[in-house]
Amino acid sequence: MTVSIKRFKKGDTVIVLSGKDKGRRGKVLRVLPTEQKLVVENLNMVKRNTKPTNENPQGGIVARPAPMPLGKVMVVCSKCNKPTRIAMTEKESGTYVRTCKHCGAGLDK
C-alpha cells in the first residue's frame, strides 16, 4: 500500500490506527520519505543497548521511538480534533495547502 508522503509533516499530531499503540496520539518527529515511514514521539518505543559516550557516560539500555509505516497513522485535525484524511486545496496564489476533509480547516501553519 503506497501512501502519499505529502500528507505528513514534522510537528503534525497523528493517531495510530493499528498495532501495539492503537488509539494513541503523538507528534511527528521525523518523516522518512524513501522508506515510507515516520517517527512519532513516545510511540513504537524500542530498547537499544548503547555504549558509553560523552553525553551518556554510563551507557546502558535506552528506549527510543522507532519508525512506523505511514499506513498505520492518520493526521488529527487541530480544529475538530478528529482523525481525518487530507485534501490538497489550491489557493489564489497557485500554492496548495493541506485541509481537513471533515471541517475544511487548514492544517498548515
N, C-alpha and C. Protein backbone atom coordinates (compact mmCIF):
# COMPACT_ATOMS: atom_id res chain seq x y z
N MET A 1 0.84 -1.18 0.00
CA MET A 1 0.00 0.00 0.00
C MET A 1 0.89 1.24 0.00
N THR A 2 0.73 2.09 -1.00
CA THR A 2 1.51 3.31 -1.04
C THR A 2 0.65 4.46 -0.53
N VAL A 3 1.26 5.28 0.31
CA VAL A 3 0.58 6.42 0.91
C VAL A 3 1.34 7.66 0.49
N SER A 4 0.62 8.71 0.19
CA SER A 4 1.25 9.96 -0.22
C SER A 4 2.05 10.54 0.93
N ILE A 5 3.31 10.78 0.70
CA ILE A 5 4.20 11.32 1.73
C ILE A 5 3.88 12.78 2.03
N LYS A 6 3.17 13.46 1.13
CA LYS A 6 2.83 14.86 1.33
C LYS A 6 1.82 15.05 2.45
N ARG A 7 1.17 13.97 2.89
CA ARG A 7 0.17 14.09 3.95
C ARG A 7 0.78 14.48 5.28
N PHE A 8 1.99 14.04 5.56
CA PHE A 8 2.59 14.19 6.88
C PHE A 8 3.73 15.19 6.86
N LYS A 9 3.78 16.01 7.92
CA LYS A 9 4.88 16.95 8.09
C LYS A 9 5.34 16.89 9.54
N LYS A 10 6.57 17.29 9.76
CA LYS A 10 7.13 17.33 11.10
C LYS A 10 6.28 18.28 11.95
N GLY A 11 5.90 17.82 13.14
CA GLY A 11 5.10 18.64 14.04
C GLY A 11 3.61 18.33 14.01
N ASP A 12 3.15 17.54 13.03
CA ASP A 12 1.74 17.15 12.97
C ASP A 12 1.39 16.23 14.13
N THR A 13 0.14 16.29 14.57
CA THR A 13 -0.36 15.33 15.54
C THR A 13 -1.03 14.20 14.77
N VAL A 14 -0.68 12.96 15.11
CA VAL A 14 -1.24 11.80 14.41
C VAL A 14 -1.80 10.82 15.43
N ILE A 15 -2.69 9.94 14.96
CA ILE A 15 -3.25 8.88 15.78
C ILE A 15 -2.91 7.55 15.11
N VAL A 16 -2.58 6.55 15.91
CA VAL A 16 -2.20 5.24 15.39
C VAL A 16 -3.46 4.42 15.16
N LEU A 17 -3.59 3.81 13.97
CA LEU A 17 -4.77 3.05 13.59
C LEU A 17 -4.67 1.57 13.94
N SER A 18 -3.48 1.01 13.96
CA SER A 18 -3.34 -0.42 14.23
C SER A 18 -2.00 -0.70 14.89
N GLY A 19 -1.91 -1.86 15.51
CA GLY A 19 -0.66 -2.26 16.15
C GLY A 19 -0.72 -2.12 17.65
N LYS A 20 0.45 -2.23 18.28
CA LYS A 20 0.51 -2.23 19.75
C LYS A 20 0.15 -0.88 20.36
N ASP A 21 0.26 0.21 19.60
CA ASP A 21 -0.06 1.55 20.10
C ASP A 21 -1.38 2.08 19.56
N LYS A 22 -2.28 1.20 19.16
CA LYS A 22 -3.55 1.60 18.54
C LYS A 22 -4.32 2.57 19.44
N GLY A 23 -4.77 3.68 18.84
CA GLY A 23 -5.56 4.67 19.56
C GLY A 23 -4.76 5.76 20.23
N ARG A 24 -3.45 5.62 20.30
CA ARG A 24 -2.61 6.62 20.95
C ARG A 24 -2.25 7.74 19.98
N ARG A 25 -2.07 8.93 20.52
CA ARG A 25 -1.70 10.09 19.71
C ARG A 25 -0.29 10.53 20.03
N GLY A 26 0.34 11.17 19.06
CA GLY A 26 1.68 11.69 19.26
C GLY A 26 2.05 12.69 18.18
N LYS A 27 3.18 13.34 18.37
CA LYS A 27 3.65 14.35 17.44
C LYS A 27 4.73 13.74 16.53
N VAL A 28 4.68 14.08 15.25
CA VAL A 28 5.64 13.55 14.28
C VAL A 28 6.99 14.23 14.52
N LEU A 29 8.02 13.40 14.72
CA LEU A 29 9.38 13.93 14.92
C LEU A 29 10.17 13.97 13.62
N ARG A 30 10.02 12.91 12.79
CA ARG A 30 10.74 12.82 11.52
C ARG A 30 9.89 12.10 10.50
N VAL A 31 10.03 12.49 9.24
CA VAL A 31 9.38 11.79 8.14
C VAL A 31 10.49 11.21 7.27
N LEU A 32 10.39 9.90 6.97
CA LEU A 32 11.38 9.22 6.15
C LEU A 32 10.73 8.84 4.82
N PRO A 33 10.77 9.74 3.81
CA PRO A 33 10.04 9.51 2.57
C PRO A 33 10.52 8.32 1.76
N THR A 34 11.82 8.04 1.76
CA THR A 34 12.31 6.92 0.96
C THR A 34 11.87 5.58 1.52
N GLU A 35 11.68 5.50 2.84
CA GLU A 35 11.26 4.26 3.49
C GLU A 35 9.75 4.19 3.68
N GLN A 36 9.01 5.27 3.36
CA GLN A 36 7.57 5.36 3.59
C GLN A 36 7.24 5.13 5.07
N LYS A 37 8.02 5.78 5.97
CA LYS A 37 7.83 5.64 7.40
C LYS A 37 7.96 6.99 8.07
N LEU A 38 7.52 7.05 9.32
CA LEU A 38 7.71 8.25 10.12
C LEU A 38 7.95 7.87 11.57
N VAL A 39 8.57 8.80 12.31
CA VAL A 39 8.89 8.59 13.72
C VAL A 39 7.96 9.48 14.52
N VAL A 40 7.23 8.87 15.48
CA VAL A 40 6.27 9.59 16.30
C VAL A 40 6.76 9.59 17.74
N GLU A 41 6.63 10.74 18.39
CA GLU A 41 7.12 10.93 19.75
C GLU A 41 6.42 9.98 20.73
N ASN A 42 7.21 9.23 21.50
CA ASN A 42 6.75 8.30 22.54
C ASN A 42 5.86 7.17 22.03
N LEU A 43 5.92 6.84 20.76
CA LEU A 43 5.16 5.72 20.21
C LEU A 43 6.11 4.78 19.49
N ASN A 44 5.75 3.47 19.47
CA ASN A 44 6.57 2.43 18.86
C ASN A 44 7.96 2.42 19.49
N MET A 45 7.99 2.47 20.81
CA MET A 45 9.26 2.53 21.54
C MET A 45 9.98 1.19 21.49
N VAL A 46 11.29 1.24 21.25
CA VAL A 46 12.14 0.06 21.26
C VAL A 46 13.31 0.33 22.18
N LYS A 47 13.89 -0.74 22.72
CA LYS A 47 15.04 -0.59 23.62
C LYS A 47 16.31 -0.96 22.86
N ARG A 48 17.33 -0.15 23.03
CA ARG A 48 18.61 -0.35 22.38
C ARG A 48 19.73 -0.30 23.42
N ASN A 49 20.71 -1.17 23.25
CA ASN A 49 21.90 -1.12 24.09
C ASN A 49 22.83 -0.06 23.52
N THR A 50 23.30 0.85 24.39
CA THR A 50 24.17 1.92 23.92
C THR A 50 25.51 1.87 24.66
N LYS A 51 26.55 2.19 23.93
CA LYS A 51 27.88 2.27 24.53
C LYS A 51 28.01 3.61 25.25
N PRO A 52 28.90 3.69 26.21
CA PRO A 52 29.12 4.96 26.90
C PRO A 52 29.66 6.03 25.94
N THR A 53 29.08 7.24 26.05
CA THR A 53 29.53 8.39 25.26
C THR A 53 29.71 9.57 26.21
N ASN A 54 30.12 10.71 25.66
CA ASN A 54 30.25 11.91 26.50
C ASN A 54 28.90 12.37 27.02
N GLU A 55 27.84 12.25 26.20
CA GLU A 55 26.51 12.66 26.63
C GLU A 55 25.92 11.68 27.65
N ASN A 56 26.20 10.39 27.46
CA ASN A 56 25.69 9.35 28.34
C ASN A 56 26.88 8.50 28.82
N PRO A 57 27.59 8.97 29.86
CA PRO A 57 28.84 8.30 30.25
C PRO A 57 28.65 6.88 30.79
N GLN A 58 27.46 6.55 31.26
CA GLN A 58 27.25 5.22 31.81
C GLN A 58 26.85 4.22 30.74
N GLY A 59 26.20 4.68 29.65
CA GLY A 59 25.70 3.75 28.64
C GLY A 59 24.50 3.02 29.16
N GLY A 60 24.23 1.83 28.64
CA GLY A 60 23.13 1.01 29.15
C GLY A 60 22.01 0.86 28.13
N ILE A 61 20.83 0.53 28.64
CA ILE A 61 19.67 0.29 27.79
C ILE A 61 18.87 1.59 27.68
N VAL A 62 18.62 2.03 26.45
CA VAL A 62 17.92 3.28 26.19
C VAL A 62 16.69 2.99 25.34
N ALA A 63 15.54 3.54 25.73
CA ALA A 63 14.31 3.40 24.94
C ALA A 63 14.19 4.60 24.02
N ARG A 64 13.86 4.34 22.75
CA ARG A 64 13.69 5.43 21.79
C ARG A 64 12.62 5.03 20.77
N PRO A 65 11.98 6.02 20.13
CA PRO A 65 10.94 5.69 19.16
C PRO A 65 11.54 5.16 17.87
N ALA A 66 10.89 4.14 17.31
CA ALA A 66 11.33 3.55 16.04
C ALA A 66 10.38 4.01 14.93
N PRO A 67 10.83 4.00 13.68
CA PRO A 67 9.96 4.38 12.57
C PRO A 67 8.78 3.41 12.43
N MET A 68 7.63 3.96 12.04
CA MET A 68 6.44 3.14 11.79
C MET A 68 5.89 3.47 10.41
N PRO A 69 5.23 2.51 9.77
CA PRO A 69 4.71 2.73 8.41
C PRO A 69 3.66 3.84 8.36
N LEU A 70 3.63 4.56 7.24
CA LEU A 70 2.69 5.66 7.06
C LEU A 70 1.24 5.19 7.09
N GLY A 71 1.00 3.98 6.62
CA GLY A 71 -0.37 3.47 6.55
C GLY A 71 -0.99 3.17 7.89
N LYS A 72 -0.20 3.16 8.96
CA LYS A 72 -0.72 2.86 10.29
C LYS A 72 -1.16 4.10 11.05
N VAL A 73 -0.95 5.29 10.49
CA VAL A 73 -1.30 6.52 11.21
C VAL A 73 -2.18 7.42 10.35
N MET A 74 -2.89 8.32 11.04
CA MET A 74 -3.76 9.28 10.39
C MET A 74 -3.58 10.64 11.05
N VAL A 75 -3.60 11.71 10.28
CA VAL A 75 -3.43 13.05 10.81
C VAL A 75 -4.68 13.44 11.61
N VAL A 76 -4.48 14.13 12.74
CA VAL A 76 -5.58 14.62 13.56
C VAL A 76 -5.72 16.12 13.31
N CYS A 77 -6.94 16.56 12.97
CA CYS A 77 -7.22 17.97 12.73
C CYS A 77 -7.17 18.72 14.06
N SER A 78 -6.52 19.87 14.08
CA SER A 78 -6.40 20.63 15.33
C SER A 78 -7.69 21.36 15.67
N LYS A 79 -8.54 21.61 14.67
CA LYS A 79 -9.78 22.34 14.93
C LYS A 79 -10.90 21.42 15.41
N CYS A 80 -11.18 20.34 14.66
CA CYS A 80 -12.28 19.44 15.04
C CYS A 80 -11.81 18.27 15.90
N ASN A 81 -10.49 18.12 16.08
CA ASN A 81 -9.90 17.10 16.95
C ASN A 81 -10.29 15.67 16.54
N LYS A 82 -10.43 15.42 15.24
CA LYS A 82 -10.76 14.11 14.70
C LYS A 82 -9.67 13.64 13.76
N PRO A 83 -9.47 12.31 13.67
CA PRO A 83 -8.58 11.79 12.64
C PRO A 83 -9.22 12.06 11.28
N THR A 84 -8.43 12.53 10.34
CA THR A 84 -9.01 12.94 9.07
C THR A 84 -8.11 12.60 7.90
N ARG A 85 -8.74 12.48 6.74
CA ARG A 85 -7.97 12.40 5.51
C ARG A 85 -7.64 13.82 5.08
N ILE A 86 -6.68 13.96 4.22
CA ILE A 86 -6.18 15.27 3.84
C ILE A 86 -6.64 15.60 2.43
N ALA A 87 -7.12 16.84 2.25
CA ALA A 87 -7.45 17.36 0.92
C ALA A 87 -6.42 18.43 0.58
N MET A 88 -5.93 18.42 -0.63
CA MET A 88 -4.99 19.45 -1.08
C MET A 88 -5.80 20.48 -1.87
N THR A 89 -6.02 21.67 -1.28
CA THR A 89 -6.79 22.71 -1.95
C THR A 89 -5.85 23.81 -2.43
N GLU A 90 -6.18 24.36 -3.59
CA GLU A 90 -5.32 25.37 -4.21
C GLU A 90 -5.76 26.76 -3.78
N LYS A 91 -4.78 27.59 -3.43
CA LYS A 91 -5.04 28.98 -3.08
C LYS A 91 -5.05 29.83 -4.35
N GLU A 92 -5.42 31.10 -4.21
CA GLU A 92 -5.41 32.01 -5.35
C GLU A 92 -4.00 32.22 -5.90
N SER A 93 -3.01 32.13 -5.02
CA SER A 93 -1.62 32.37 -5.42
C SER A 93 -1.04 31.19 -6.20
N GLY A 94 -1.80 30.07 -6.30
CA GLY A 94 -1.32 28.91 -7.04
C GLY A 94 -0.64 27.87 -6.16
N THR A 95 -0.50 28.14 -4.88
CA THR A 95 0.11 27.17 -3.97
C THR A 95 -0.98 26.27 -3.39
N TYR A 96 -0.57 25.10 -2.93
CA TYR A 96 -1.51 24.15 -2.34
C TYR A 96 -1.36 24.13 -0.83
N VAL A 97 -2.48 23.94 -0.14
CA VAL A 97 -2.48 23.87 1.31
C VAL A 97 -3.26 22.62 1.72
N ARG A 98 -2.81 21.96 2.80
CA ARG A 98 -3.50 20.77 3.30
C ARG A 98 -4.70 21.20 4.13
N THR A 99 -5.87 20.58 3.86
CA THR A 99 -7.07 20.91 4.61
C THR A 99 -7.74 19.64 5.13
N CYS A 100 -8.54 19.81 6.20
CA CYS A 100 -9.28 18.71 6.81
C CYS A 100 -10.49 18.37 5.94
N LYS A 101 -10.75 17.08 5.74
CA LYS A 101 -11.91 16.64 4.96
C LYS A 101 -13.21 16.83 5.74
N HIS A 102 -13.14 16.86 7.09
CA HIS A 102 -14.35 16.99 7.91
C HIS A 102 -14.82 18.44 8.00
N CYS A 103 -13.93 19.32 8.46
CA CYS A 103 -14.35 20.69 8.74
C CYS A 103 -13.81 21.71 7.74
N GLY A 104 -12.85 21.32 6.92
CA GLY A 104 -12.29 22.24 5.91
C GLY A 104 -11.23 23.18 6.46
N ALA A 105 -10.82 23.01 7.70
CA ALA A 105 -9.80 23.88 8.28
C ALA A 105 -8.44 23.56 7.70
N GLY A 106 -7.59 24.57 7.59
CA GLY A 106 -6.24 24.37 7.09
C GLY A 106 -5.36 23.70 8.14
N LEU A 107 -4.54 22.75 7.69
CA LEU A 107 -3.65 22.05 8.61
C LEU A 107 -2.26 22.64 8.63
N ASP A 108 -1.91 23.42 7.62
CA ASP A 108 -0.59 24.05 7.57
C ASP A 108 -0.63 25.32 8.39
N LYS A 109 0.47 25.54 9.13
CA LYS A 109 0.51 26.72 9.99
C LYS A 109 0.85 27.95 9.20
